[in-house]
Amino acid sequence: MGKAIYLLTALKADRKGVTALEYGVIAAVLVVAVATAVGTFGDYVSTFLTGLGGKIDTAITGTPPS
């Protein structure tokens, strides 16, 4: 009986599982935030980078891309 009480007392004091759960929740919230941002701003970023690539091509070659 003493070993069972010792085991239960040790499990009660162990906070590793709670900390891991908290980090899991934080990671899930970050994934949702990044997915929302990519869904919202993805087209704008793609258009910006395409235009930037064209300007770089023009600066390097001296002629705009076709």
C-alpha atoms as a PDB file:
ATOM      1  CA  MET A   1       0.000   0.000   0.000  1.00  0.00           C
ATOM      2  CA  GLY A   2       2.888   2.337   0.718  1.00  0.00           C
ATOM      3  CA  LYS A   3       4.226   2.036  -2.830  1.00  0.00           C
ATOM      4  CA  ALA A   4       0.838   2.973  -4.311  1.00  0.00           C
ATOM      5  CA  ILE A   5       0.611   6.095  -2.155  1.00  0.00           C
ATOM      6  CA  TYR A   6       4.182   7.021  -3.063  1.00  0.00           C
ATOM      7  CA  LEU A   7       3.382   6.559  -6.775  1.00  0.00           C
ATOM      8  CA  LEU A   8       0.239   8.688  -6.578  1.00  0.00           C
ATOM      9  CA  THR A   9       2.098  11.404  -4.680  1.00  0.00           C
ATOM     10  CA  ALA A  10       4.871  11.395  -7.304  1.00  0.00           C
ATOM     11  CA  LEU A  11       2.342  11.627 -10.155  1.00  0.00           C
ATOM     12  CA  LYS A  12       0.572  14.527  -8.452  1.00  0.00           C
ATOM     13  CA  ALA A  13       3.852  16.449  -8.191  1.00  0.00           C
ATOM     14  CA  ASP A  14       4.875  15.711 -11.821  1.00  0.00           C
ATOM     15  CA  ARG A  15       4.030  18.749 -13.984  1.00  0.00           C
ATOM     16  CA  LYS A  16       5.777  17.646 -17.203  1.00  0.00           C
ATOM     17  CA  GLY A  17       2.528  16.545 -18.850  1.00  0.00           C
ATOM     18  CA  VAL A  18       0.814  19.842 -18.118  1.00  0.00           C
ATOM     19  CA  THR A  19       3.728  21.807 -19.567  1.00  0.00           C
ATOM     20  CA  ALA A  20       3.757  19.665 -22.709  1.00  0.00           C
ATOM     21  CA  LEU A  21       0.018  20.219 -23.113  1.00  0.00           C
ATOM     22  CA  GLU A  22       0.464  23.975 -22.790  1.00  0.00           C
ATOM     23  CA  TYR A  23       3.158  23.974 -25.465  1.00  0.00           C
ATOM     24  CA  GLY A  24       0.903  21.883 -27.688  1.00  0.00           C
ATOM     25  CA  VAL A  25      -1.924  24.391 -27.357  1.00  0.00           C
ATOM     26  CA  ILE A  26       0.431  27.287 -28.137  1.00  0.00           C
ATOM     27  CA  ALA A  27       1.736  25.458 -31.220  1.00  0.00           C
ATOM     28  CA  ALA A  28      -1.813  24.771 -32.428  1.00  0.00           C
ATOM     29  CA  VAL A  29      -2.768  28.443 -32.066  1.00  0.00           C
ATOM     30  CA  LEU A  30       0.333  29.475 -34.023  1.00  0.00           C
ATOM     31  CA  VAL A  31      -0.476  27.019 -36.819  1.00  0.00           C
ATOM     32  CA  VAL A  32      -3.999  28.421 -37.120  1.00  0.00           C
ATOM     33  CA  ALA A  33      -2.669  32.009 -37.136  1.00  0.00           C
ATOM     34  CA  VAL A  34      -0.083  31.274 -39.845  1.00  0.00           C
ATOM     35  CA  ALA A  35      -2.621  29.391 -41.974  1.00  0.00           C
ATOM     36  CA  THR A  36      -5.055  32.293 -41.695  1.00  0.00           C
ATOM     37  CA  ALA A  37      -2.370  34.831 -42.619  1.00  0.00           C
ATOM     38  CA  VAL A  38      -1.245  32.807 -45.640  1.00  0.00           C
ATOM     39  CA  GLY A  39      -4.840  32.382 -46.778  1.00  0.00           C
ATOM     40  CA  THR A  40      -5.533  36.088 -46.396  1.00  0.00           C
ATOM     41  CA  PHE A  41      -2.310  37.602 -47.731  1.00  0.00           C
ATOM     42  CA  GLY A  42      -1.007  34.800 -49.976  1.00  0.00           C
ATOM     43  CA  ASP A  43      -2.165  36.368 -53.255  1.00  0.00           C
ATOM     44  CA  TYR A  44      -0.773  39.774 -52.313  1.00  0.00           C
ATOM     45  CA  VAL A  45       2.607  38.319 -51.408  1.00  0.00           C
ATOM     46  CA  SER A  46       2.705  36.266 -54.619  1.00  0.00           C
ATOM     47  CA  THR A  47       1.898  39.331 -56.735  1.00  0.00           C
ATOM     48  CA  PHE A  48       4.516  41.394 -54.891  1.00  0.00           C
ATOM     49  CA  LEU A  49       7.241  38.778 -55.339  1.00  0.00           C
ATOM     50  CA  THR A  50       6.411  38.305 -59.023  1.00  0.00           C
ATOM     51  CA  GLY A  51       6.665  42.060 -59.593  1.00  0.00           C
ATOM     52  CA  LEU A  52       9.883  42.212 -57.619  1.00  0.00           C
ATOM     53  CA  GLY A  53      11.359  39.391 -59.710  1.00  0.00           C
ATOM     54  CA  GLY A  54      10.452  41.270 -62.884  1.00  0.00           C
ATOM     55  CA  LYS A  55      12.147  44.420 -61.616  1.00  0.00           C
ATOM     56  CA  ILE A  56      15.277  42.459 -60.730  1.00  0.00           C
ATOM     57  CA  ASP A  57      15.319  40.889 -64.211  1.00  0.00           C
ATOM     58  CA  THR A  58      14.958  44.338 -65.753  1.00  0.00           C
ATOM     59  CA  ALA A  59      17.783  45.712 -63.621  1.00  0.00           C
ATOM     60  CA  ILE A  60      20.102  42.831 -64.530  1.00  0.00           C
ATOM     61  CA  THR A  61      19.364  42.450 -68.241  1.00  0.00           C
ATOM     62  CA  GLY A  62      18.176  45.945 -69.074  1.00  0.00           C
ATOM     63  CA  THR A  63      15.038  44.610 -70.791  1.00  0.00           C
ATOM     64  CA  PRO A  64      11.711  43.755 -69.220  1.00  0.00           C
ATOM     65  CA  PRO A  65      10.721  40.093 -69.126  1.00  0.00           C
ATOM     66  CA  SER A  66       8.302  38.918 -71.803  1.00  0.00           C
END
